[in-house]
């Protein structure tokens, strides 16, 4: 869940603080991320999967 804001007609967004990814060969790879946007009543508004790729070079 993201915060506790009252309903609004304006688009709202959230940006988290930056974090450092672990370094080294064992930290690299492709990771499947499953995301879900819910409210306090456990109602699911959106659900999606995406890949996070951590590599030495792009």
N, C-alpha and C. Protein backbone atom coordinates (compact mmCIF):
# COMPACT_ATOMS: atom_id res chain seq x y z
N UNK A 1 0.84 -1.17 0.00
CA UNK A 1 0.00 0.00 0.00
C UNK A 1 0.88 1.23 0.00
N UNK A 2 0.44 2.27 -0.67
CA UNK A 2 1.22 3.50 -0.73
C UNK A 2 0.47 4.60 0.00
N UNK A 3 0.90 4.91 1.21
CA UNK A 3 0.36 6.04 1.96
C UNK A 3 -1.10 5.92 2.32
N UNK A 4 -1.64 7.02 2.85
CA UNK A 4 -3.05 7.06 3.22
C UNK A 4 -3.58 8.45 2.88
N UNK A 5 -3.85 8.66 1.62
CA UNK A 5 -4.35 9.95 1.15
C UNK A 5 -5.83 9.82 0.81
N UNK A 6 -6.53 10.93 0.99
CA UNK A 6 -7.94 10.96 0.63
C UNK A 6 -8.08 10.92 -0.90
N UNK A 7 -9.22 10.44 -1.40
CA UNK A 7 -9.42 10.42 -2.85
C UNK A 7 -9.25 11.81 -3.45
N UNK A 8 -8.71 11.87 -4.65
CA UNK A 8 -8.46 13.14 -5.32
C UNK A 8 -8.63 12.96 -6.82
N UNK A 9 -9.02 14.03 -7.50
CA UNK A 9 -9.14 13.97 -8.95
C UNK A 9 -7.80 14.22 -9.62
N UNK A 10 -6.82 14.71 -8.86
CA UNK A 10 -5.49 14.97 -9.41
C UNK A 10 -4.64 13.70 -9.35
N UNK A 11 -3.76 13.54 -10.33
CA UNK A 11 -2.85 12.41 -10.35
C UNK A 11 -1.83 12.57 -9.23
N UNK A 12 -1.62 11.50 -8.46
CA UNK A 12 -0.66 11.53 -7.37
C UNK A 12 0.45 10.54 -7.67
N UNK A 13 1.67 10.87 -7.25
CA UNK A 13 2.79 9.96 -7.48
C UNK A 13 3.66 9.88 -6.24
N UNK A 14 4.46 8.83 -6.18
CA UNK A 14 5.36 8.60 -5.06
C UNK A 14 6.71 8.17 -5.61
N UNK A 15 7.77 8.80 -5.14
CA UNK A 15 9.12 8.43 -5.54
C UNK A 15 9.89 8.08 -4.27
N UNK A 16 10.41 6.86 -4.20
CA UNK A 16 11.14 6.43 -3.01
C UNK A 16 12.58 6.94 -3.06
N UNK A 17 13.24 6.88 -1.93
CA UNK A 17 14.64 7.28 -1.84
C UNK A 17 15.50 6.35 -2.68
N UNK A 18 16.61 6.88 -3.19
CA UNK A 18 17.54 6.05 -3.95
C UNK A 18 18.26 5.08 -3.03
N UNK A 19 18.53 3.90 -3.52
CA UNK A 19 19.28 2.90 -2.76
C UNK A 19 20.40 2.36 -3.62
N UNK A 20 21.49 1.97 -3.00
CA UNK A 20 22.62 1.38 -3.72
C UNK A 20 22.37 -0.11 -3.92
N UNK A 21 22.59 -0.58 -5.12
CA UNK A 21 22.49 -2.01 -5.39
C UNK A 21 23.77 -2.68 -4.94
N UNK A 22 23.70 -3.91 -4.47
CA UNK A 22 24.92 -4.63 -4.09
C UNK A 22 25.87 -4.75 -5.28
N UNK A 23 27.16 -4.81 -5.00
CA UNK A 23 28.14 -4.94 -6.06
C UNK A 23 28.69 -6.36 -6.10
N UNK A 24 29.35 -6.70 -7.19
CA UNK A 24 29.97 -8.01 -7.30
C UNK A 24 29.21 -8.93 -8.23
N UNK A 25 29.90 -9.96 -8.65
CA UNK A 25 29.35 -10.91 -9.62
C UNK A 25 28.09 -11.61 -9.11
N UNK A 26 28.04 -11.98 -7.84
CA UNK A 26 26.89 -12.71 -7.30
C UNK A 26 25.63 -11.87 -7.22
N UNK A 27 25.77 -10.54 -7.25
CA UNK A 27 24.62 -9.65 -7.16
C UNK A 27 23.97 -9.40 -8.51
N UNK A 28 24.64 -9.77 -9.59
CA UNK A 28 24.13 -9.50 -10.93
C UNK A 28 23.14 -10.57 -11.37
N UNK A 29 22.22 -10.15 -12.21
CA UNK A 29 21.26 -11.10 -12.74
C UNK A 29 19.96 -10.43 -13.10
N UNK A 30 18.97 -11.23 -13.45
CA UNK A 30 17.64 -10.75 -13.77
C UNK A 30 16.70 -11.23 -12.67
N UNK A 31 15.94 -10.31 -12.11
CA UNK A 31 15.05 -10.61 -11.00
C UNK A 31 13.62 -10.30 -11.40
N UNK A 32 12.71 -11.24 -11.16
CA UNK A 32 11.29 -11.04 -11.43
C UNK A 32 10.67 -10.33 -10.23
N UNK A 33 10.00 -9.20 -10.49
CA UNK A 33 9.37 -8.42 -9.43
C UNK A 33 7.86 -8.48 -9.65
N UNK A 34 7.12 -8.82 -8.60
CA UNK A 34 5.66 -8.85 -8.66
C UNK A 34 5.15 -7.68 -7.83
N UNK A 35 4.45 -6.74 -8.48
CA UNK A 35 3.96 -5.53 -7.81
C UNK A 35 2.44 -5.57 -7.73
N UNK A 36 1.92 -4.93 -6.67
CA UNK A 36 0.48 -4.90 -6.46
C UNK A 36 0.12 -3.59 -5.76
N UNK A 37 -0.92 -2.90 -6.24
CA UNK A 37 -1.40 -1.67 -5.64
C UNK A 37 -2.72 -1.98 -4.96
N UNK A 38 -2.76 -1.86 -3.62
CA UNK A 38 -3.95 -2.21 -2.84
C UNK A 38 -4.33 -1.07 -1.90
N UNK A 39 -5.53 -1.18 -1.31
CA UNK A 39 -5.93 -0.23 -0.27
C UNK A 39 -6.00 -0.95 1.07
N UNK A 40 -6.46 -0.24 2.10
CA UNK A 40 -6.53 -0.82 3.45
C UNK A 40 -7.47 -2.02 3.52
N UNK A 41 -8.46 -2.06 2.64
CA UNK A 41 -9.43 -3.15 2.65
C UNK A 41 -8.99 -4.32 1.78
N UNK A 42 -7.72 -4.31 1.35
CA UNK A 42 -7.13 -5.37 0.53
C UNK A 42 -7.72 -5.44 -0.88
N UNK A 43 -8.38 -4.36 -1.33
CA UNK A 43 -8.88 -4.31 -2.70
C UNK A 43 -7.69 -4.07 -3.63
N UNK A 44 -7.54 -4.92 -4.64
CA UNK A 44 -6.41 -4.82 -5.57
C UNK A 44 -6.82 -3.93 -6.75
N UNK A 45 -6.11 -2.81 -6.91
CA UNK A 45 -6.40 -1.88 -8.01
C UNK A 45 -5.55 -2.17 -9.24
N UNK A 46 -4.36 -2.66 -9.04
CA UNK A 46 -3.48 -2.99 -10.16
C UNK A 46 -2.50 -4.06 -9.70
N UNK A 47 -2.14 -4.93 -10.62
CA UNK A 47 -1.19 -6.00 -10.33
C UNK A 47 -0.38 -6.24 -11.60
N UNK A 48 0.95 -6.27 -11.48
CA UNK A 48 1.79 -6.45 -12.66
C UNK A 48 3.12 -7.08 -12.27
N UNK A 49 3.78 -7.65 -13.27
CA UNK A 49 5.11 -8.24 -13.09
C UNK A 49 6.09 -7.53 -14.00
N UNK A 50 7.33 -7.40 -13.55
CA UNK A 50 8.37 -6.77 -14.36
C UNK A 50 9.72 -7.33 -13.96
N UNK A 51 10.69 -7.17 -14.85
CA UNK A 51 12.03 -7.68 -14.61
C UNK A 51 12.98 -6.55 -14.25
N UNK A 52 13.82 -6.80 -13.27
CA UNK A 52 14.87 -5.87 -12.88
C UNK A 52 16.19 -6.53 -13.25
N UNK A 53 16.96 -5.86 -14.10
CA UNK A 53 18.24 -6.41 -14.56
C UNK A 53 19.36 -5.63 -13.90
N UNK A 54 20.22 -6.32 -13.16
CA UNK A 54 21.41 -5.72 -12.56
C UNK A 54 22.61 -6.29 -13.29
N UNK A 55 23.32 -5.40 -13.99
CA UNK A 55 24.44 -5.83 -14.82
C UNK A 55 25.63 -4.89 -14.64
N UNK A 56 26.79 -5.36 -15.01
CA UNK A 56 27.99 -4.53 -14.92
C UNK A 56 27.93 -3.41 -15.94
N UNK A 57 27.54 -3.74 -17.16
CA UNK A 57 27.45 -2.77 -18.24
C UNK A 57 26.06 -2.84 -18.86
N UNK A 58 25.62 -1.74 -19.45
CA UNK A 58 24.33 -1.71 -20.13
C UNK A 58 24.56 -1.96 -21.56
